[in-house]
Protein backbone atom coordinates (compact mmCIF):
# COMPACT_ATOMS: atom_id res chain seq x y z
CA ALA A 1 59.07 -170.76 -183.27
CA ASN A 2 55.42 -170.36 -184.23
CA ASP A 3 54.35 -173.87 -183.17
CA VAL A 4 56.49 -173.97 -180.04
CA LEU A 5 56.15 -170.42 -178.74
CA ILE A 6 53.58 -168.25 -180.55
CA ALA A 7 50.75 -170.80 -180.94
CA PRO A 8 50.60 -171.82 -177.22
CA LEU A 9 50.62 -168.18 -176.10
CA GLU A 10 47.91 -167.33 -178.61
CA LYS A 11 45.83 -170.28 -177.34
CA PHE A 12 46.27 -169.08 -173.75
CA ARG A 13 45.15 -165.60 -174.75
CA LYS A 14 42.01 -166.89 -176.45
CA ASP A 15 41.02 -169.64 -174.00
CA GLN A 16 42.04 -168.23 -170.64
CA ILE A 17 42.13 -164.46 -170.96
CA GLY A 18 39.13 -164.58 -173.29
CA ALA A 19 37.15 -166.56 -170.70
CA ALA A 20 38.15 -164.09 -167.98
CA LYS A 21 36.91 -161.22 -170.13
CA ASP A 22 33.59 -163.02 -170.62
CA GLY A 23 33.38 -163.54 -166.87
CA LYS A 24 34.03 -159.84 -166.36
CA LYS A 25 31.17 -158.95 -168.71
CA LYS A 26 28.80 -161.31 -166.87
CA PHE A 27 29.92 -159.89 -163.51
CA ASP A 28 29.37 -156.31 -164.68
CA LYS A 29 25.91 -157.20 -166.00
CA GLU A 30 24.83 -158.96 -162.79
CA SER A 31 26.30 -156.13 -160.69
CA GLU A 32 24.30 -153.56 -162.59
CA LYS A 33 21.09 -155.56 -162.19
CA TYR A 34 21.68 -156.20 -158.50
CA TYR A 35 22.52 -152.58 -157.67
CA SER A 36 19.47 -151.41 -159.62
CA ILE A 37 17.13 -153.80 -157.75
CA LEU A 38 18.79 -152.89 -154.45
CA GLU A 39 18.26 -149.19 -155.06
CA LYS A 40 14.59 -149.76 -155.92
CA HIS A 41 14.16 -151.92 -152.81
CA LEU A 42 15.63 -149.24 -150.58
CA ASN A 43 13.21 -146.72 -152.03
CA LEU A 44 10.13 -148.86 -151.32
CA SER A 45 7.66 -147.27 -149.01
CA SER A 46 6.83 -149.09 -145.81
CA ARG A 47 3.21 -148.38 -146.56
CA LYS A 48 3.24 -150.95 -149.37
CA LYS A 49 1.25 -154.09 -148.84
CA GLU A 50 2.95 -157.01 -147.14
CA ALA A 51 2.60 -159.18 -150.25
CA HIS A 52 4.33 -156.56 -152.38
CA LEU A 53 7.14 -156.24 -149.89
CA GLN A 54 7.64 -160.00 -149.74
CA GLU A 55 7.77 -160.15 -153.52
CA ALA A 56 10.42 -157.40 -153.53
CA ASP A 57 12.42 -159.33 -150.92
CA THR A 58 12.24 -162.50 -153.00
CA GLN A 59 13.40 -160.65 -156.11
CA ILE A 60 16.34 -159.01 -154.38
CA ASP A 61 17.37 -162.36 -152.85
CA LYS A 62 17.36 -163.89 -156.32
CA GLU A 63 19.43 -161.04 -157.82
CA ARG A 64 21.80 -161.16 -154.85
CA GLN A 65 22.35 -164.88 -155.47
CA ASN A 66 23.03 -164.26 -159.17
CA PHE A 67 25.43 -161.45 -158.25
CA TYR A 68 27.31 -163.65 -155.79
CA GLU A 69 27.60 -166.50 -158.29
CA ALA A 70 28.85 -164.18 -161.04
CA SER A 71 31.30 -162.63 -158.55
CA LEU A 72 32.65 -166.01 -157.49
CA GLU A 73 32.99 -167.25 -161.05
CA TYR A 74 34.82 -164.08 -162.07
CA VAL A 75 37.18 -164.18 -159.06
CA ILE A 76 37.93 -167.87 -159.62
CA LYS A 77 38.65 -167.26 -163.31
CA VAL A 78 40.93 -164.33 -162.56
CA GLN A 79 42.79 -166.41 -159.97
CA GLU A 80 43.03 -169.28 -162.47
CA VAL A 81 44.51 -167.00 -165.13
CA GLN A 82 46.98 -165.55 -162.62
CA GLU A 83 48.17 -169.02 -161.64
CA LYS A 84 48.17 -170.58 -165.11
CA LYS A 85 50.23 -167.80 -166.64
CA LYS A 86 53.05 -168.73 -164.26
CA PHE A 87 53.59 -171.99 -166.16
CA GLU A 88 51.67 -171.67 -169.44
CA PHE A 89 53.79 -168.63 -170.32
CA VAL A 90 57.05 -170.15 -169.12
CA GLU A 91 56.68 -173.66 -170.60
CA PRO A 92 56.53 -172.50 -174.27
CA LEU A 93 59.44 -170.15 -173.65
CA LEU A 94 61.45 -172.97 -172.10
CA ALA A 95 60.63 -175.28 -175.02
CA PHE A 96 61.66 -172.56 -177.46
CA LEU A 97 64.97 -171.98 -175.65
CA GLN A 98 65.57 -175.73 -175.48
CA GLY A 99 65.11 -175.91 -179.24
CA LEU A 100 67.61 -173.07 -179.68
CA PHE A 101 70.12 -174.74 -177.37
CA THR A 102 69.74 -178.05 -179.24
CA PHE A 103 70.23 -176.29 -182.57
CA TYR A 104 73.36 -174.47 -181.41
CA HIS A 105 74.71 -177.58 -179.68
CA GLU A 106 74.33 -179.60 -182.87
CA GLY A 107 75.96 -176.74 -184.75
CA TYR A 108 78.85 -176.77 -182.25
CA GLU A 109 79.29 -180.53 -182.61
CA LEU A 110 79.23 -180.18 -186.40
CA ALA A 111 81.84 -177.43 -186.20
CA GLN A 112 84.03 -179.62 -183.97
CA GLU A 113 83.65 -182.51 -186.43
CA PHE A 114 84.56 -180.21 -189.31
CA ALA A 115 87.58 -178.71 -187.49
CA PRO A 116 90.20 -181.22 -188.85
CA TYR A 117 88.97 -180.68 -192.43
CA LYS A 118 89.08 -176.92 -191.91
CA GLN A 119 92.64 -177.11 -190.61
CA GLN A 120 93.68 -179.29 -193.56
CA LEU A 121 92.03 -176.86 -195.95
CA GLN A 122 93.89 -173.95 -194.36
CA TYR A 123 97.13 -175.90 -194.67
CA ASN A 124 96.44 -176.69 -198.34
CA LEU A 125 95.57 -173.06 -199.04
CA GLN A 126 98.82 -171.90 -197.46
CA ASN A 127 100.77 -174.44 -199.54
CA THR A 128 98.98 -173.28 -202.68
CA ARG A 129 99.87 -169.67 -201.88
CA ASN A 130 103.50 -170.63 -201.21
CA ASN A 131 103.63 -172.63 -204.46
CA PHE A 132 102.33 -169.61 -206.33
CA GLU A 133 104.97 -167.33 -204.84
CA SER A 134 107.74 -169.83 -205.51
CA THR A 135 106.56 -170.43 -209.08
CA ARG A 136 106.26 -166.70 -209.75
CA GLN A 137 109.77 -166.06 -208.45
CA GLU A 138 111.17 -168.92 -210.54
CA VAL A 139 109.42 -167.66 -213.66
CA GLU A 140 110.76 -164.16 -213.07
CA ARG A 141 114.29 -165.51 -212.65
CA LEU A 142 113.95 -167.53 -215.85
CA MET A 143 112.65 -164.46 -217.69
CA GLN A 144 115.52 -162.31 -216.47
CA ARG A 145 118.00 -165.04 -217.44
CA MET A 146 116.53 -165.26 -220.93
CA LYS A 147 116.58 -161.47 -221.30
CA SER A 148 120.19 -161.20 -220.18
CA ALA A 149 121.43 -164.04 -222.42
CA PRO A 150 118.97 -164.64 -225.26
CA GLN A 151 121.61 -166.44 -227.31
CA ASP A 152 121.62 -169.26 -224.77
CA TYR A 153 117.99 -169.96 -225.55
CA LYS A 154 117.97 -169.30 -229.28
CA PRO A 155 120.81 -171.31 -230.82
CA PRO A 156 121.06 -171.04 -234.60
CA GLY A 157 119.67 -173.93 -236.61
CA GLN A 158 117.54 -175.01 -239.48
CA TRP A 159 114.23 -174.77 -237.66
CA THR A 160 111.74 -171.97 -238.00
CA MET A 161 111.75 -171.67 -234.21
CA GLU A 162 113.84 -173.45 -231.62
CA GLY A 163 114.77 -172.98 -227.99
CA TYR A 164 114.54 -174.30 -224.49
CA LEU A 165 111.29 -174.66 -222.54
CA TYR A 166 110.98 -175.37 -218.83
CA VAL A 167 107.97 -177.52 -217.96
CA GLN A 168 106.78 -177.82 -214.38
CA GLU A 169 106.22 -181.40 -213.25
CA LYS A 170 104.74 -182.60 -209.97
CA ARG A 171 106.89 -184.71 -207.69
CA PRO A 172 106.04 -186.60 -204.45
CA LEU A 173 107.62 -183.86 -202.34
CA GLY A 174 106.71 -180.84 -204.43
CA PHE A 175 107.51 -179.96 -208.02
CA ALA A 176 110.48 -179.57 -210.40
CA TRP A 177 111.22 -177.57 -213.54
CA ILE A 178 112.26 -179.92 -216.36
CA LYS A 179 114.26 -178.45 -219.21
CA HIS A 180 113.28 -179.46 -222.80
CA TYR A 181 114.77 -178.51 -226.14
CA CYS A 182 111.93 -177.63 -228.54
CA THR A 183 111.86 -177.17 -232.31
CA TYR A 184 109.13 -176.04 -234.68
CA GLU A 185 109.14 -176.34 -238.47
CA LYS A 186 106.59 -173.99 -240.00
CA ALA A 187 106.48 -175.68 -243.40
CA THR A 188 105.50 -179.07 -242.02
CA LYS A 189 103.92 -177.72 -238.81
CA THR A 190 106.07 -180.13 -236.84
CA PHE A 191 106.73 -179.51 -233.16
CA SER A 192 109.12 -181.65 -231.12
CA MET A 193 110.35 -181.66 -227.52
CA THR A 194 113.55 -183.34 -226.33
CA LEU A 195 114.15 -183.88 -222.64
CA CYS A 196 117.32 -182.27 -221.30
CA GLU A 197 118.91 -182.56 -217.89
CA PRO A 198 116.26 -181.81 -215.20
CA LYS A 199 116.65 -178.55 -213.32
CA SER A 200 115.29 -178.55 -209.76
CA GLY A 201 112.96 -175.77 -208.82
CA GLY A 202 111.69 -174.70 -205.42
CA LYS A 203 110.33 -177.74 -203.61
CA LEU A 204 107.46 -177.52 -201.19
CA ASN A 205 106.03 -180.22 -198.99
């Protein structure tokens, strides 16, 4: 923004408006000198010598010429500034807007390119949420089943601990809960798992 918009406007202010201000100062100075000489000339007495009057005429002609030149230069500079600002103000603004449009257009194209990945991500997130809900419900059912019939999961035996454990395994079309019979012997710190008949859980694509 600084290089495209601010810097050109600052350059215009310094080069063009600054030059016009300098022209205004020169014009004011020459105007003051000319009006002062003109006033003195008007107050000259006609009784002055011819040579003195001719000298006064020469001096006022010279100051009038300087005044006219300063006036013309100032008018031309003001007109130049008025005309230049019509395009030197607009061109940087247009370039700045073009840069913005290019930036947003590229952002739009990037967003369009990313759209399929975003949709897939949303789909995966929804599946993950559904898997969580299904898994939570299955775990709660298993917990209630174990609470209502603990003897089914703790058969008597020689092991320190024994029982059934459901392990979730991934499948091509979702997942399944696989039932295992587990035993643990504290004395030997031996843990074993024996696969039982698989029990299907909620399947999600």
